[in-house]
Amino acid sequence: MPALLEQAALAVGLVVLVSMALVSGLAVLEVVIEEVRAGGPRPRRSVHGRKGER
């Protein structure tokens, strides 16, 4: 019987983790959609500067 309880606890923990990951992913998606609707994301500066410069 204790093994069954342990499995149930693991399953519940897994469900909680997956749902948290889904919620955070949806929040990120929502922010991206808002940025695109507002006229596109801000241009990110690349680490290496312009392509022509070395």
N, C-alpha and C. Protein backbone atom coordinates (compact mmCIF):
# COMPACT_ATOMS: atom_id res chain seq x y z
N MET A 1 0.82 -1.22 0.00
CA MET A 1 0.00 0.00 0.00
C MET A 1 0.85 1.28 0.00
N PRO A 2 1.93 1.34 0.80
CA PRO A 2 2.76 2.56 0.78
C PRO A 2 3.34 2.85 -0.61
N ALA A 3 3.63 1.80 -1.38
CA ALA A 3 4.17 2.02 -2.73
C ALA A 3 3.14 2.73 -3.60
N LEU A 4 1.88 2.38 -3.42
CA LEU A 4 0.82 3.03 -4.19
C LEU A 4 0.72 4.51 -3.83
N LEU A 5 0.85 4.80 -2.53
CA LEU A 5 0.82 6.20 -2.09
C LEU A 5 1.99 6.97 -2.69
N GLU A 6 3.16 6.34 -2.73
CA GLU A 6 4.34 6.99 -3.28
C GLU A 6 4.15 7.31 -4.76
N GLN A 7 3.58 6.33 -5.48
CA GLN A 7 3.34 6.55 -6.91
C GLN A 7 2.32 7.68 -7.12
N ALA A 8 1.30 7.71 -6.28
CA ALA A 8 0.30 8.77 -6.40
C ALA A 8 0.92 10.14 -6.14
N ALA A 9 1.80 10.20 -5.12
CA ALA A 9 2.45 11.48 -4.81
C ALA A 9 3.34 11.91 -5.97
N LEU A 10 4.06 10.97 -6.57
CA LEU A 10 4.91 11.29 -7.72
C LEU A 10 4.07 11.79 -8.89
N ALA A 11 2.94 11.13 -9.13
CA ALA A 11 2.08 11.53 -10.24
C ALA A 11 1.54 12.94 -10.02
N VAL A 12 1.12 13.23 -8.79
CA VAL A 12 0.59 14.57 -8.48
C VAL A 12 1.68 15.62 -8.67
N GLY A 13 2.89 15.32 -8.20
CA GLY A 13 4.00 16.25 -8.37
C GLY A 13 4.30 16.52 -9.83
N LEU A 14 4.25 15.46 -10.62
CA LEU A 14 4.52 15.60 -12.06
C LEU A 14 3.45 16.47 -12.72
N VAL A 15 2.19 16.24 -12.36
CA VAL A 15 1.10 17.04 -12.93
C VAL A 15 1.27 18.51 -12.56
N VAL A 16 1.65 18.78 -11.32
CA VAL A 16 1.85 20.17 -10.88
C VAL A 16 2.97 20.81 -11.66
N LEU A 17 4.09 20.09 -11.84
CA LEU A 17 5.23 20.64 -12.58
C LEU A 17 4.85 20.94 -14.03
N VAL A 18 4.16 19.99 -14.66
CA VAL A 18 3.79 20.18 -16.07
C VAL A 18 2.83 21.36 -16.21
N SER A 19 1.87 21.48 -15.30
CA SER A 19 0.92 22.58 -15.41
C SER A 19 1.62 23.92 -15.18
N MET A 20 2.58 23.97 -14.25
CA MET A 20 3.33 25.20 -14.03
C MET A 20 4.11 25.57 -15.28
N ALA A 21 4.73 24.58 -15.91
CA ALA A 21 5.50 24.85 -17.13
C ALA A 21 4.57 25.36 -18.24
N LEU A 22 3.39 24.78 -18.35
CA LEU A 22 2.43 25.23 -19.37
C LEU A 22 2.00 26.67 -19.12
N VAL A 23 1.72 27.00 -17.86
CA VAL A 23 1.27 28.35 -17.53
C VAL A 23 2.36 29.37 -17.84
N SER A 24 3.61 29.05 -17.47
CA SER A 24 4.69 30.00 -17.74
C SER A 24 4.92 30.13 -19.24
N GLY A 25 4.81 29.03 -19.97
CA GLY A 25 4.96 29.09 -21.42
C GLY A 25 3.87 29.94 -22.06
N LEU A 26 2.65 29.81 -21.56
CA LEU A 26 1.55 30.62 -22.09
C LEU A 26 1.77 32.09 -21.78
N ALA A 27 2.31 32.40 -20.60
CA ALA A 27 2.57 33.79 -20.24
C ALA A 27 3.61 34.39 -21.19
N VAL A 28 4.66 33.63 -21.48
CA VAL A 28 5.69 34.11 -22.40
C VAL A 28 5.08 34.33 -23.78
N LEU A 29 4.26 33.38 -24.23
CA LEU A 29 3.61 33.50 -25.54
C LEU A 29 2.75 34.76 -25.59
N GLU A 30 2.03 35.03 -24.51
CA GLU A 30 1.17 36.20 -24.47
C GLU A 30 1.99 37.48 -24.62
N VAL A 31 3.13 37.54 -23.94
CA VAL A 31 4.00 38.72 -24.04
C VAL A 31 4.50 38.89 -25.47
N VAL A 32 4.89 37.78 -26.09
CA VAL A 32 5.39 37.85 -27.48
C VAL A 32 4.29 38.34 -28.41
N ILE A 33 3.07 37.83 -28.23
CA ILE A 33 1.95 38.25 -29.08
C ILE A 33 1.68 39.74 -28.90
N GLU A 34 1.72 40.23 -27.66
CA GLU A 34 1.50 41.66 -27.42
C GLU A 34 2.58 42.48 -28.11
N GLU A 35 3.84 42.03 -28.06
CA GLU A 35 4.93 42.76 -28.72
C GLU A 35 4.69 42.82 -30.22
N VAL A 36 4.28 41.71 -30.81
CA VAL A 36 4.07 41.68 -32.25
C VAL A 36 2.92 42.60 -32.63
N ARG A 37 1.86 42.61 -31.84
CA ARG A 37 0.72 43.49 -32.13
C ARG A 37 1.11 44.95 -32.00
N ALA A 38 2.06 45.25 -31.11
CA ALA A 38 2.45 46.64 -30.86
C ALA A 38 3.43 47.14 -31.92
N GLY A 39 3.72 46.35 -32.92
CA GLY A 39 4.60 46.81 -33.98
C GLY A 39 5.89 46.03 -34.06
N GLY A 40 5.88 44.82 -33.58
CA GLY A 40 7.07 43.98 -33.69
C GLY A 40 7.98 44.14 -32.49
N PRO A 41 8.77 43.13 -32.23
CA PRO A 41 9.72 43.21 -31.10
C PRO A 41 10.80 44.24 -31.38
N ARG A 42 11.38 44.76 -30.31
CA ARG A 42 12.47 45.72 -30.47
C ARG A 42 13.65 45.00 -31.11
N PRO A 43 14.35 45.68 -32.04
CA PRO A 43 15.51 45.02 -32.65
C PRO A 43 16.59 44.75 -31.61
N ARG A 44 17.02 43.52 -31.55
CA ARG A 44 18.05 43.16 -30.58
C ARG A 44 19.42 43.41 -31.19
N ARG A 45 20.29 44.01 -30.41
CA ARG A 45 21.65 44.23 -30.88
C ARG A 45 22.41 42.92 -30.79
N SER A 46 23.07 42.56 -31.88
CA SER A 46 23.85 41.33 -31.85
C SER A 46 25.14 41.58 -31.09
N VAL A 47 25.75 40.52 -30.62
CA VAL A 47 26.95 40.63 -29.81
C VAL A 47 28.11 41.15 -30.65
N HIS A 48 28.13 40.79 -31.92
CA HIS A 48 29.29 41.08 -32.76
C HIS A 48 29.15 42.36 -33.57
N GLY A 49 28.14 43.17 -33.27
CA GLY A 49 27.96 44.40 -34.02
C GLY A 49 27.39 44.12 -35.39
N ARG A 50 27.65 45.01 -36.35
CA ARG A 50 27.13 44.81 -37.69
C ARG A 50 27.90 43.72 -38.41
N LYS A 51 27.26 43.16 -39.43
CA LYS A 51 27.88 42.03 -40.13
C LYS A 51 29.18 42.44 -40.83
N GLY A 52 29.23 43.69 -41.35
CA GLY A 52 30.42 44.13 -42.07
C GLY A 52 31.62 44.37 -41.17
N GLU A 53 31.35 44.70 -39.88
CA GLU A 53 32.47 45.02 -38.99
C GLU A 53 33.07 43.75 -38.41
N ARG A 54 34.37 43.77 -38.25
CA ARG A 54 35.04 42.61 -37.63
C ARG A 54 35.85 43.06 -36.43
